[in-house]
Amino acid sequence: MVKREVIGAHYGLRDWLAQRVTALVMAIYTIIFLTMVLSLPQFDFPSWKSMWASPWLRSATLLFLLSLFLHAWIGMRNIFMDYVKSTGLRLTLYVLVILALVAYGAWAVQILWGR
């Protein structure tokens, strides 16, 4: 009889589900955003600026970006787990990706709500 040890049960299911949910959020946002852009009376700076004055569009954009960052993190982590065998190098890559995603998130908040 072979005794199998399960490590990290349901780990893959959680990541699979997170990838699907974040992809759905990004798809819905893209459709809404394209509809808004195509419905602008004129594609000029004042119209573009008035569109972005809406707090709900900024919030939806931040939700889109957070979904994008989570989606990217899961994908990059899985690539590193599959193809980078050196534990030290893998940890270094994890830290670099996390730092980059946090910096991108802070930058996005600054762009969306900064004056």
PDB file of N, CA and C in Angstrom:
ATOM      1  N   MET A   1       0.839  -1.167   0.000  1.00  0.00           N
ATOM      2  CA  MET A   1       0.000   0.000   0.000  1.00  0.00           C
ATOM      3  C   MET A   1       0.891   1.239   0.000  1.00  0.00           C
ATOM      4  N   VAL A   2       0.552   2.190  -0.858  1.00  0.00           N
ATOM      5  CA  VAL A   2       1.306   3.428  -0.969  1.00  0.00           C
ATOM      6  C   VAL A   2       0.610   4.494  -0.148  1.00  0.00           C
ATOM      7  N   LYS A   3       1.386   5.108   0.734  1.00  0.00           N
ATOM      8  CA  LYS A   3       0.832   6.175   1.566  1.00  0.00           C
ATOM      9  C   LYS A   3       1.170   7.504   0.902  1.00  0.00           C
ATOM     10  N   ARG A   4       0.137   8.252   0.542  1.00  0.00           N
ATOM     11  CA  ARG A   4       0.337   9.548  -0.098  1.00  0.00           C
ATOM     12  C   ARG A   4       0.146  10.646   0.918  1.00  0.00           C
ATOM     13  N   GLU A   5       1.063  11.587   0.885  1.00  0.00           N
ATOM     14  CA  GLU A   5       0.967  12.737   1.781  1.00  0.00           C
ATOM     15  C   GLU A   5       0.514  13.944   0.964  1.00  0.00           C
ATOM     16  N   VAL A   6      -0.581  14.543   1.383  1.00  0.00           N
ATOM     17  CA  VAL A   6      -1.121  15.699   0.678  1.00  0.00           C
ATOM     18  C   VAL A   6      -0.621  16.959   1.378  1.00  0.00           C
ATOM     19  N   ILE A   7       0.044  17.785   0.609  1.00  0.00           N
ATOM     20  CA  ILE A   7       0.573  19.039   1.146  1.00  0.00           C
ATOM     21  C   ILE A   7      -0.123  20.182   0.417  1.00  0.00           C
ATOM     22  N   GLY A   8      -0.680  21.097   1.175  1.00  0.00           N
ATOM     23  CA  GLY A   8      -1.330  22.253   0.553  1.00  0.00           C
ATOM     24  C   GLY A   8      -2.625  21.887  -0.132  1.00  0.00           C
ATOM     25  N   ALA A   9      -3.464  21.123   0.508  1.00  0.00           N
ATOM     26  CA  ALA A   9      -4.721  20.696  -0.091  1.00  0.00           C
ATOM     27  C   ALA A   9      -5.553  21.903  -0.512  1.00  0.00           C
ATOM     28  N   HIS A  10      -6.150  21.815  -1.667  1.00  0.00           N
ATOM     29  CA  HIS A  10      -7.016  22.844  -2.253  1.00  0.00           C
ATOM     30  C   HIS A  10      -6.252  24.098  -2.663  1.00  0.00           C
ATOM     31  N   TYR A  11      -4.961  24.074  -2.611  1.00  0.00           N
ATOM     32  CA  TYR A  11      -4.153  25.224  -3.003  1.00  0.00           C
ATOM     33  C   TYR A  11      -4.392  25.566  -4.465  1.00  0.00           C
ATOM     34  N   GLY A  12      -4.390  24.561  -5.318  1.00  0.00           N
ATOM     35  CA  GLY A  12      -4.595  24.778  -6.750  1.00  0.00           C
ATOM     36  C   GLY A  12      -5.999  25.244  -7.073  1.00  0.00           C
ATOM     37  N   LEU A  13      -6.990  24.731  -6.359  1.00  0.00           N
ATOM     38  CA  LEU A  13      -8.371  25.133  -6.593  1.00  0.00           C
ATOM     39  C   LEU A  13      -8.572  26.613  -6.270  1.00  0.00           C
ATOM     40  N   ARG A  14      -7.997  27.064  -5.161  1.00  0.00           N
ATOM     41  CA  ARG A  14      -8.114  28.472  -4.779  1.00  0.00           C
ATOM     42  C   ARG A  14      -7.491  29.375  -5.839  1.00  0.00           C
ATOM     43  N   ASP A  15      -6.317  29.014  -6.330  1.00  0.00           N
ATOM     44  CA  ASP A  15      -5.659  29.811  -7.363  1.00  0.00           C
ATOM     45  C   ASP A  15      -6.451  29.788  -8.665  1.00  0.00           C
ATOM     46  N   TRP A  16      -6.963  28.630  -9.039  1.00  0.00           N
ATOM     47  CA  TRP A  16      -7.760  28.499 -10.261  1.00  0.00           C
ATOM     48  C   TRP A  16      -8.985  29.402 -10.174  1.00  0.00           C
ATOM     49  N   LEU A  17      -9.669  29.368  -9.039  1.00  0.00           N
ATOM     50  CA  LEU A  17     -10.859  30.181  -8.855  1.00  0.00           C
ATOM     51  C   LEU A  17     -10.513  31.669  -8.845  1.00  0.00           C
ATOM     52  N   ALA A  18      -9.426  32.039  -8.191  1.00  0.00           N
ATOM     53  CA  ALA A  18      -9.007  33.445  -8.158  1.00  0.00           C
ATOM     54  C   ALA A  18      -8.680  33.947  -9.558  1.00  0.00           C
ATOM     55  N   GLN A  19      -8.028  33.122 -10.366  1.00  0.00           N
ATOM     56  CA  GLN A  19      -7.715  33.508 -11.744  1.00  0.00           C
ATOM     57  C   GLN A  19      -9.002  33.759 -12.531  1.00  0.00           C
ATOM     58  N   ARG A  20      -9.991  32.902 -12.362  1.00  0.00           N
ATOM     59  CA  ARG A  20     -11.256  33.056 -13.102  1.00  0.00           C
ATOM     60  C   ARG A  20     -12.035  34.280 -12.640  1.00  0.00           C
ATOM     61  N   VAL A  21     -12.085  34.507 -11.329  1.00  0.00           N
ATOM     62  CA  VAL A  21     -12.830  35.657 -10.800  1.00  0.00           C
ATOM     63  C   VAL A  21     -12.164  36.962 -11.226  1.00  0.00           C
ATOM     64  N   THR A  22     -10.846  37.039 -11.118  1.00  0.00           N
ATOM     65  CA  THR A  22     -10.156  38.271 -11.515  1.00  0.00           C
ATOM     66  C   THR A  22     -10.292  38.502 -13.020  1.00  0.00           C
ATOM     67  N   ALA A  23     -10.261  37.440 -13.813  1.00  0.00           N
ATOM     68  CA  ALA A  23     -10.445  37.594 -15.260  1.00  0.00           C
ATOM     69  C   ALA A  23     -11.850  38.106 -15.568  1.00  0.00           C
ATOM     70  N   LEU A  24     -12.848  37.620 -14.839  1.00  0.00           N
ATOM     71  CA  LEU A  24     -14.217  38.081 -15.038  1.00  0.00           C
ATOM     72  C   LEU A  24     -14.356  39.560 -14.668  1.00  0.00           C
ATOM     73  N   VAL A  25     -13.765  39.961 -13.549  1.00  0.00           N
ATOM     74  CA  VAL A  25     -13.802  41.372 -13.140  1.00  0.00           C
ATOM     75  C   VAL A  25     -13.161  42.240 -14.218  1.00  0.00           C
ATOM     76  N   MET A  26     -12.020  41.815 -14.736  1.00  0.00           N
ATOM     77  CA  MET A  26     -11.327  42.597 -15.757  1.00  0.00           C
ATOM     78  C   MET A  26     -12.129  42.661 -17.055  1.00  0.00           C
ATOM     79  N   ALA A  27     -12.786  41.564 -17.425  1.00  0.00           N
ATOM     80  CA  ALA A  27     -13.590  41.550 -18.651  1.00  0.00           C
ATOM     81  C   ALA A  27     -14.790  42.487 -18.528  1.00  0.00           C
ATOM     82  N   ILE A  28     -15.481  42.443 -17.397  1.00  0.00           N
ATOM     83  CA  ILE A  28     -16.637  43.317 -17.182  1.00  0.00           C
ATOM     84  C   ILE A  28     -16.213  44.783 -17.195  1.00  0.00           C
ATOM     85  N   TYR A  29     -15.118  45.089 -16.514  1.00  0.00           N
ATOM     86  CA  TYR A  29     -14.621  46.470 -16.496  1.00  0.00           C
ATOM     87  C   TYR A  29     -14.273  46.932 -17.912  1.00  0.00           C
ATOM     88  N   THR A  30     -13.620  46.086 -18.683  1.00  0.00           N
ATOM     89  CA  THR A  30     -13.220  46.456 -20.037  1.00  0.00           C
ATOM     90  C   THR A  30     -14.429  46.793 -20.895  1.00  0.00           C
ATOM     91  N   ILE A  31     -15.476  45.996 -20.789  1.00  0.00           N
ATOM     92  CA  ILE A  31     -16.695  46.254 -21.562  1.00  0.00           C
ATOM     93  C   ILE A  31     -17.325  47.584 -21.145  1.00  0.00           C
ATOM     94  N   ILE A  32     -17.428  47.809 -19.840  1.00  0.00           N
ATOM     95  CA  ILE A  32     -18.011  49.065 -19.345  1.00  0.00           C
ATOM     96  C   ILE A  32     -17.168  50.256 -19.769  1.00  0.00           C
ATOM     97  N   PHE A  33     -15.845  50.136 -19.636  1.00  0.00           N
ATOM     98  CA  PHE A  33     -14.955  51.244 -19.975  1.00  0.00           C
ATOM     99  C   PHE A  33     -15.025  51.571 -21.469  1.00  0.00           C
ATOM    100  N   LEU A  34     -14.997  50.538 -22.313  1.00  0.00           N
ATOM    101  CA  LEU A  34     -15.081  50.779 -23.759  1.00  0.00           C
ATOM    102  C   LEU A  34     -16.421  51.407 -24.135  1.00  0.00           C
ATOM    103  N   THR A  35     -17.494  50.971 -23.484  1.00  0.00           N
ATOM    104  CA  THR A  35     -18.805  51.566 -23.737  1.00  0.00           C
ATOM    105  C   THR A  35     -18.803  53.038 -23.370  1.00  0.00           C
ATOM    106  N   MET A  36     -18.194  53.363 -22.233  1.00  0.00           N
ATOM    107  CA  MET A  36     -18.129  54.768 -21.814  1.00  0.00           C
ATOM    108  C   MET A  36     -17.304  55.607 -22.788  1.00  0.00           C
ATOM    109  N   VAL A  37     -16.172  55.080 -23.215  1.00  0.00           N
ATOM    110  CA  VAL A  37     -15.306  55.830 -24.136  1.00  0.00           C
ATOM    111  C   VAL A  37     -16.015  56.030 -25.475  1.00  0.00           C
ATOM    112  N   LEU A  38     -16.672  54.990 -25.965  1.00  0.00           N
ATOM    113  CA  LEU A  38     -17.349  55.112 -27.257  1.00  0.00           C
ATOM    114  C   LEU A  38     -18.589  55.998 -27.192  1.00  0.00           C
ATOM    115  N   SER A  39     -19.132  56.201 -25.998  1.00  0.00           N
ATOM    116  CA  SER A  39     -20.315  57.059 -25.869  1.00  0.00           C
ATOM    117  C   SER A  39     -19.964  58.521 -25.556  1.00  0.00           C
ATOM    118  N   LEU A  40     -18.702  58.836 -25.500  1.00  0.00           N
ATOM    119  CA  LEU A  40     -18.311  60.240 -25.279  1.00  0.00           C
ATOM    120  C   LEU A  40     -18.803  61.089 -26.447  1.00  0.00           C
ATOM    121  N   PRO A  41     -19.303  62.303 -26.164  1.00  0.00           N
ATOM    122  CA  PRO A  41     -19.789  63.150 -27.259  1.00  0.00           C
ATOM    123  C   PRO A  41     -18.666  63.529 -28.225  1.00  0.00           C
ATOM    124  N   GLN A  42     -17.514  63.824 -27.675  1.00  0.00           N
ATOM    125  CA  GLN A  42     -16.323  64.098 -28.474  1.00  0.00           C
ATOM    126  C   GLN A  42     -15.145  63.458 -27.755  1.00  0.00           C
ATOM    127  N   PHE A  43     -14.207  62.997 -28.523  1.00  0.00           N
ATOM    128  CA  PHE A  43     -13.020  62.413 -27.900  1.00  0.00           C
ATOM    129  C   PHE A  43     -11.960  63.494 -27.788  1.00  0.00           C
ATOM    130  N   ASP A  44     -12.149  64.358 -26.793  1.00  0.00           N
ATOM    131  CA  ASP A  44     -11.204  65.436 -26.536  1.00  0.00           C
ATOM    132  C   ASP A  44     -10.905  65.456 -25.037  1.00  0.00           C
ATOM    133  N   PHE A  45      -9.967  66.305 -24.657  1.00  0.00           N
ATOM    134  CA  PHE A  45      -9.525  66.328 -23.272  1.00  0.00           C
ATOM    135  C   PHE A  45     -10.627  66.689 -22.275  1.00  0.00           C
ATOM    136  N   PRO A  46     -11.459  67.719 -22.530  1.00  0.00           N
ATOM    137  CA  PRO A  46     -12.524  68.027 -21.560  1.00  0.00           C
ATOM    138  C   PRO A  46     -13.503  66.858 -21.352  1.00  0.00           C
ATOM    139  N   SER A  47     -13.855  66.151 -22.412  1.00  0.00           N
ATOM    140  CA  SER A  47     -14.756  64.987 -22.269  1.00  0.00           C
ATOM    141  C   SER A  47     -14.074  63.878 -21.477  1.00  0.00           C
ATOM    142  N   TRP A  48     -12.813  63.646 -21.800  1.00  0.00           N
ATOM    143  CA  TRP A  48     -12.043  62.611 -21.107  1.00  0.00           C
ATOM    144  C   TRP A  48     -11.915  62.954 -19.619  1.00  0.00           C
ATOM    145  N   LYS A  49     -11.633  64.216 -19.325  1.00  0.00           N
ATOM    146  CA  LYS A  49     -11.485  64.657 -17.934  1.00  0.00           C
ATOM    147  C   LYS A  49     -12.802  64.554 -17.182  1.00  0.00           C
ATOM    148  N   SER A  50     -13.905  64.904 -17.805  1.00  0.00           N
ATOM    149  CA  SER A  50     -15.203  64.801 -17.129  1.00  0.00           C
ATOM    150  C   SER A  50     -15.579  63.339 -16.880  1.00  0.00           C
ATOM    151  N   MET A  51     -15.196  62.466 -17.777  1.00  0.00           N
ATOM    152  CA  MET A  51     -15.464  61.038 -17.567  1.00  0.00           C
ATOM    153  C   MET A  51     -14.721  60.540 -16.320  1.00  0.00           C
ATOM    154  N   TRP A  52     -13.486  60.956 -16.145  1.00  0.00           N
ATOM    155  CA  TRP A  52     -12.675  60.501 -15.009  1.00  0.00           C
ATOM    156  C   TRP A  52     -12.993  61.231 -13.714  1.00  0.00           C
ATOM    157  N   ALA A  53     -13.844  62.249 -13.777  1.00  0.00           N
ATOM    158  CA  ALA A  53     -14.239  62.963 -12.560  1.00  0.00           C
ATOM    159  C   ALA A  53     -15.172  62.112 -11.700  1.00  0.00           C
ATOM    160  N   SER A  54     -15.756  61.108 -12.276  1.00  0.00           N
ATOM    161  CA  SER A  54     -16.695  60.242 -11.560  1.00  0.00           C
ATOM    162  C   SER A  54     -15.966  59.355 -10.546  1.00  0.00           C
ATOM    163  N   PRO A  55     -16.342  59.432  -9.261  1.00  0.00           N
ATOM    164  CA  PRO A  55     -15.679  58.602  -8.246  1.00  0.00           C
ATOM    165  C   PRO A  55     -15.897  57.109  -8.458  1.00  0.00           C
ATOM    166  N   TRP A  56     -17.052  56.736  -9.013  1.00  0.00           N
ATOM    167  CA  TRP A  56     -17.288  55.300  -9.204  1.00  0.00           C
ATOM    168  C   TRP A  56     -16.392  54.734 -10.299  1.00  0.00           C
ATOM    169  N   LEU A  57     -16.053  55.543 -11.335  1.00  0.00           N
ATOM    170  CA  LEU A  57     -15.146  55.061 -12.374  1.00  0.00           C
ATOM    171  C   LEU A  57     -13.740  54.886 -11.802  1.00  0.00           C
ATOM    172  N   ARG A  58     -13.325  55.806 -10.955  1.00  0.00           N
ATOM    173  CA  ARG A  58     -12.009  55.663 -10.318  1.00  0.00           C
ATOM    174  C   ARG A  58     -11.975  54.415  -9.434  1.00  0.00           C
ATOM    175  N   SER A  59     -13.052  54.196  -8.686  1.00  0.00           N
ATOM    176  CA  SER A  59     -13.116  53.010  -7.816  1.00  0.00           C
ATOM    177  C   SER A  59     -13.131  51.728  -8.641  1.00  0.00           C
ATOM    178  N   ALA A  60     -13.903  51.729  -9.727  1.00  0.00           N
ATOM    179  CA  ALA A  60     -13.951  50.553 -10.599  1.00  0.00           C
ATOM    180  C   ALA A  60     -12.586  50.297 -11.242  1.00  0.00           C
ATOM    181  N   THR A  61     -11.890  51.369 -11.595  1.00  0.00           N
ATOM    182  CA  THR A  61     -10.557  51.235 -12.182  1.00  0.00           C
ATOM    183  C   THR A  61      -9.581  50.654 -11.161  1.00  0.00           C
ATOM    184  N   LEU A  62      -9.690  51.107  -9.914  1.00  0.00           N
ATOM    185  CA  LEU A  62      -8.824  50.553  -8.874  1.00  0.00           C
ATOM    186  C   LEU A  62      -9.130  49.072  -8.651  1.00  0.00           C
ATOM    187  N   LEU A  63     -10.408  48.701  -8.654  1.00  0.00           N
ATOM    188  CA  LEU A  63     -10.777  47.291  -8.538  1.00  0.00           C
ATOM    189  C   LEU A  63     -10.211  46.488  -9.706  1.00  0.00           C
ATOM    190  N   PHE A  64     -10.286  47.050 -10.913  1.00  0.00           N
ATOM    191  CA  PHE A  64      -9.702  46.402 -12.083  1.00  0.00           C
ATOM    192  C   PHE A  64      -8.198  46.184 -11.892  1.00  0.00           C
ATOM    193  N   LEU A  65      -7.511  47.221 -11.430  1.00  0.00           N
ATOM    194  CA  LEU A  65      -6.063  47.117 -11.265  1.00  0.00           C
ATOM    195  C   LEU A  65      -5.686  46.123 -10.166  1.00  0.00           C
ATOM    196  N   LEU A  66      -6.431  46.113  -9.066  1.00  0.00           N
ATOM    197  CA  LEU A  66      -6.163  45.132  -8.013  1.00  0.00           C
ATOM    198  C   LEU A  66      -6.388  43.711  -8.522  1.00  0.00           C
ATOM    199  N   SER A  67      -7.424  43.536  -9.337  1.00  0.00           N
ATOM    200  CA  SER A  67      -7.668  42.230  -9.948  1.00  0.00           C
ATOM    201  C   SER A  67      -6.526  41.850 -10.882  1.00  0.00           C
ATOM    202  N   LEU A  68      -6.066  42.821 -11.651  1.00  0.00           N
ATOM    203  CA  LEU A  68      -4.942  42.583 -12.560  1.00  0.00           C
ATOM    204  C   LEU A  68      -3.689  42.185 -11.786  1.00  0.00           C
ATOM    205  N   PHE A  69      -3.414  42.892 -10.687  1.00  0.00           N
ATOM    206  CA  PHE A  69      -2.218  42.589  -9.903  1.00  0.00           C
ATOM    207  C   PHE A  69      -2.303  41.207  -9.262  1.00  0.00           C
ATOM    208  N   LEU A  70      -3.466  40.839  -8.734  1.00  0.00           N
ATOM    209  CA  LEU A  70      -3.632  39.501  -8.155  1.00  0.00           C
ATOM    210  C   LEU A  70      -3.502  38.440  -9.231  1.00  0.00           C
ATOM    211  N   HIS A  71      -4.101  38.677 -10.384  1.00  0.00           N
ATOM    212  CA  HIS A  71      -4.025  37.751 -11.514  1.00  0.00           C
ATOM    213  C   HIS A  71      -2.559  37.560 -11.937  1.00  0.00           C
ATOM    214  N   ALA A  72      -1.837  38.668 -12.025  1.00  0.00           N
ATOM    215  CA  ALA A  72      -0.423  38.603 -12.409  1.00  0.00           C
ATOM    216  C   ALA A  72       0.405  37.885 -11.354  1.00  0.00           C
ATOM    217  N   TRP A  73       0.139  38.150 -10.075  1.00  0.00           N
ATOM    218  CA  TRP A  73       0.897  37.501  -9.003  1.00  0.00           C
ATOM    219  C   TRP A  73       0.720  35.991  -9.054  1.00  0.00           C
ATOM    220  N   ILE A  74      -0.502  35.526  -9.190  1.00  0.00           N
ATOM    221  CA  ILE A  74      -0.752  34.081  -9.225  1.00  0.00           C
ATOM    222  C   ILE A  74      -0.047  33.459 -10.421  1.00  0.00           C
ATOM    223  N   GLY A  75      -0.137  34.107 -11.566  1.00  0.00           N
ATOM    224  CA  GLY A  75       0.527  33.582 -12.757  1.00  0.00           C
ATOM    225  C   GLY A  75       2.041  33.540 -12.623  1.00  0.00           C
ATOM    226  N   MET A  76       2.629  34.628 -12.137  1.00  0.00           N
ATOM    227  CA  MET A  76       4.081  34.663 -11.991  1.00  0.00           C
ATOM    228  C   MET A  76       4.552  33.671 -10.931  1.00  0.00           C
ATOM    229  N   ARG A  77       3.821  33.576  -9.815  1.00  0.00           N
ATOM    230  CA  ARG A  77       4.204  32.630  -8.768  1.00  0.00           C
ATOM    231  C   ARG A  77       4.178  31.198  -9.301  1.00  0.00           C
ATOM    232  N   ASN A  78       3.160  30.868 -10.086  1.00  0.00           N
ATOM    233  CA  ASN A  78       3.081  29.521 -10.646  1.00  0.00           C
ATOM    234  C   ASN A  78       4.213  29.258 -11.635  1.00  0.00           C
ATOM    235  N   ILE A  79       4.566  30.252 -12.423  1.00  0.00           N
ATOM    236  CA  ILE A  79       5.689  30.093 -13.354  1.00  0.00           C
ATOM    237  C   ILE A  79       6.979  29.870 -12.574  1.00  0.00           C
ATOM    238  N   PHE A  80       7.203  30.660 -11.527  1.00  0.00           N
ATOM    239  CA  PHE A  80       8.414  30.500 -10.727  1.00  0.00           C
ATOM    240  C   PHE A  80       8.450  29.135 -10.041  1.00  0.00           C
ATOM    241  N   MET A  81       7.306  28.681  -9.509  1.00  0.00           N
ATOM    242  CA  MET A  81       7.267  27.371  -8.842  1.00  0.00           C
ATOM    243  C   MET A  81       7.572  26.242  -9.821  1.00  0.00           C
ATOM    244  N   ASP A  82       7.108  26.394 -11.066  1.00  0.00           N
ATOM    245  CA  ASP A  82       7.299  25.333 -12.053  1.00  0.00           C
ATOM    246  C   ASP A  82       8.695  25.321 -12.667  1.00  0.00           C
ATOM    247  N   TYR A  83       9.285  26.484 -12.888  1.00  0.00           N
ATOM    248  CA  TYR A  83      10.495  26.550 -13.704  1.00  0.00           C
ATOM    249  C   TYR A  83      11.749  27.019 -12.991  1.00  0.00           C
ATOM    250  N   VAL A  84      11.632  27.616 -11.820  1.00  0.00           N
ATOM    251  CA  VAL A  84      12.830  28.085 -11.106  1.00  0.00           C
ATOM    252  C   VAL A  84      13.087  27.101  -9.963  1.00  0.00           C
ATOM    253  N   LYS A  85      14.131  26.310 -10.097  1.00  0.00           N
ATOM    254  CA  LYS A  85      14.400  25.241  -9.128  1.00  0.00           C
ATOM    255  C   LYS A  85      15.184  25.728  -7.912  1.00  0.00           C
ATOM    256  N   SER A  86      15.991  26.745  -8.069  1.00  0.00           N
ATOM    257  CA  SER A  86      16.782  27.275  -6.951  1.00  0.00           C
ATOM    258  C   SER A  86      15.868  28.037  -5.993  1.00  0.00           C
ATOM    259  N   THR A  87      15.839  27.604  -4.745  1.00  0.00           N
ATOM    260  CA  THR A  87      14.964  28.220  -3.754  1.00  0.00           C
ATOM    261  C   THR A  87      15.328  29.686  -3.522  1.00  0.00           C
ATOM    262  N   GLY A  88      16.597  29.999  -3.448  1.00  0.00           N
ATOM    263  CA  GLY A  88      17.034  31.374  -3.221  1.00  0.00           C
ATOM    264  C   GLY A  88      16.639  32.296  -4.368  1.00  0.00           C
ATOM    265  N   LEU A  89      16.832  31.827  -5.589  1.00  0.00           N
ATOM    266  CA  LEU A  89      16.464  32.629  -6.757  1.00  0.00           C
ATOM    267  C   LEU A  89      14.944  32.804  -6.816  1.00  0.00           C
ATOM    268  N   ARG A  90      14.210  31.736  -6.523  1.00  0.00           N
ATOM    269  CA  ARG A  90      12.747  31.811  -6.542  1.00  0.00           C
ATOM    270  C   ARG A  90      12.250  32.819  -5.504  1.00  0.00           C
ATOM    271  N   LEU A  91      12.814  32.788  -4.300  1.00  0.00           N
ATOM    272  CA  LEU A  91      12.427  33.743  -3.261  1.00  0.00           C
ATOM    273  C   LEU A  91      12.748  35.174  -3.683  1.00  0.00           C
ATOM    274  N   THR A  92      13.906  35.376  -4.289  1.00  0.00           N
ATOM    275  CA  THR A  92      14.289  36.697  -4.780  1.00  0.00           C
ATOM    276  C   THR A  92      13.309  37.191  -5.832  1.00  0.00           C
ATOM    277  N   LEU A  93      12.927  36.319  -6.752  1.00  0.00           N
ATOM    278  CA  LEU A  93      11.963  36.698  -7.783  1.00  0.00           C
ATOM    279  C   LEU A  93      10.599  37.011  -7.180  1.00  0.00           C
ATOM    280  N   TYR A  94      10.182  36.224  -6.190  1.00  0.00           N
ATOM    281  CA  TYR A  94       8.919  36.504  -5.497  1.00  0.00           C
ATOM    282  C   TYR A  94       8.935  37.910  -4.906  1.00  0.00           C
ATOM    283  N   VAL A  95      10.001  38.237  -4.196  1.00  0.00           N
ATOM    284  CA  VAL A  95      10.107  39.539  -3.532  1.00  0.00           C
ATOM    285  C   VAL A  95      10.100  40.657  -4.567  1.00  0.00           C
ATOM    286  N   LEU A  96      10.828  40.491  -5.667  1.00  0.00           N
ATOM    287  CA  LEU A  96      10.867  41.521  -6.706  1.00  0.00           C
ATOM    288  C   LEU A  96       9.492  41.748  -7.329  1.00  0.00           C
ATOM    289  N   VAL A  97       8.777  40.672  -7.600  1.00  0.00           N
ATOM    290  CA  VAL A  97       7.440  40.802  -8.194  1.00  0.00           C
ATOM    291  C   VAL A  97       6.489  41.466  -7.200  1.00  0.00           C
ATOM    292  N   ILE A  98       6.537  41.057  -5.935  1.00  0.00           N
ATOM    293  CA  ILE A  98       5.668  41.661  -4.926  1.00  0.00           C
ATOM    294  C   ILE A  98       5.960  43.149  -4.790  1.00  0.00           C
ATOM    295  N   LEU A  99       7.231  43.519  -4.712  1.00  0.00           N
ATOM    296  CA  LEU A  99       7.591  44.941  -4.600  1.00  0.00           C
ATOM    297  C   LEU A  99       7.109  45.738  -5.815  1.00  0.00           C
ATOM    298  N   ALA A 100       7.265  45.158  -7.000  1.00  0.00           N
ATOM    299  CA  ALA A 100       6.808  45.845  -8.211  1.00  0.00           C
ATOM    300  C   ALA A 100       5.293  46.025  -8.195  1.00  0.00           C
ATOM    301  N   LEU A 101       4.547  44.992  -7.816  1.00  0.00           N
ATOM    302  CA  LEU A 101       3.087  45.089  -7.797  1.00  0.00           C
ATOM    303  C   LEU A 101       2.595  46.090  -6.750  1.00  0.00           C
ATOM    304  N   VAL A 102       3.245  46.127  -5.598  1.00  0.00           N
ATOM    305  CA  VAL A 102       2.872  47.106  -4.571  1.00  0.00           C
ATOM    306  C   VAL A 102       3.173  48.521  -5.064  1.00  0.00           C
ATOM    307  N   ALA A 103       4.314  48.703  -5.707  1.00  0.00           N
ATOM    308  CA  ALA A 103       4.666  50.021  -6.253  1.00  0.00           C
ATOM    309  C   ALA A 103       3.669  50.435  -7.329  1.00  0.00           C
ATOM    310  N   TYR A 104       3.284  49.504  -8.198  1.00  0.00           N
ATOM    311  CA  TYR A 104       2.293  49.813  -9.236  1.00  0.00           C
ATOM    312  C   TYR A 104       0.950  50.178  -8.607  1.00  0.00           C
ATOM    313  N   GLY A 105       0.574  49.487  -7.541  1.00  0.00           N
ATOM    314  CA  GLY A 105      -0.679  49.801  -6.852  1.00  0.00           C
ATOM    315  C   GLY A 105      -0.658  51.191  -6.241  1.00  0.00           C
ATOM    316  N   ALA A 106       0.443  51.540  -5.589  1.00  0.00           N
ATOM    317  CA  ALA A 106       0.573  52.878  -5.000  1.00  0.00           C
ATOM    318  C   ALA A 106       0.557  53.949  -6.083  1.00  0.00           C
ATOM    319  N   TRP A 107       1.216  53.679  -7.179  1.00  0.00           N
ATOM    320  CA  TRP A 107       1.255  54.619  -8.299  1.00  0.00           C
ATOM    321  C   TRP A 107      -0.153  54.791  -8.879  1.00  0.00           C
ATOM    322  N   ALA A 108      -0.904  53.704  -8.991  1.00  0.00           N
ATOM    323  CA  ALA A 108      -2.272  53.779  -9.520  1.00  0.00           C
ATOM    324  C   ALA A 108      -3.154  54.631  -8.630  1.00  0.00           C
ATOM    325  N   VAL A 109      -3.030  54.472  -7.309  1.00  0.00           N
ATOM    326  CA  VAL A 109      -3.815  55.301  -6.384  1.00  0.00           C
ATOM    327  C   VAL A 109      -3.433  56.766  -6.548  1.00  0.00           C
ATOM    328  N   GLN A 110      -2.144  57.028  -6.684  1.00  0.00           N
ATOM    329  CA  GLN A 110      -1.684  58.404  -6.874  1.00  0.00           C
ATOM    330  C   GLN A 110      -2.247  58.995  -8.166  1.00  0.00           C
ATOM    331  N   ILE A 111      -2.274  58.211  -9.232  1.00  0.00           N
ATOM    332  CA  ILE A 111      -2.796  58.702 -10.514  1.00  0.00           C
ATOM    333  C   ILE A 111      -4.302  58.939 -10.425  1.00  0.00           C
ATOM    334  N   LEU A 112      -5.021  58.000  -9.808  1.00  0.00           N
ATOM    335  CA  LEU A 112      -6.481  58.086  -9.777  1.00  0.00           C
ATOM    336  C   LEU A 112      -6.996  59.168  -8.840  1.00  0.00           C
ATOM    337  N   TRP A 113      -6.340  59.370  -7.691  1.00  0.00           N
ATOM    338  CA  TRP A 113      -6.850  60.316  -6.704  1.00  0.00           C
ATOM    339  C   TRP A 113      -5.894  61.464  -6.393  1.00  0.00           C
ATOM    340  N   GLY A 114      -4.738  61.481  -7.002  1.00  0.00           N
ATOM    341  CA  GLY A 114      -3.797  62.573  -6.753  1.00  0.00           C
ATOM    342  C   GLY A 114      -4.217  63.839  -7.481  1.00  0.00           C
ATOM    343  N   ARG A 115      -3.791  64.923  -6.983  1.00  0.00           N
ATOM    344  CA  ARG A 115      -4.120  66.210  -7.619  1.00  0.00           C
ATOM    345  C   ARG A 115      -2.864  66.956  -7.919  1.00  0.00           C
TER     346      ARG A 115
END
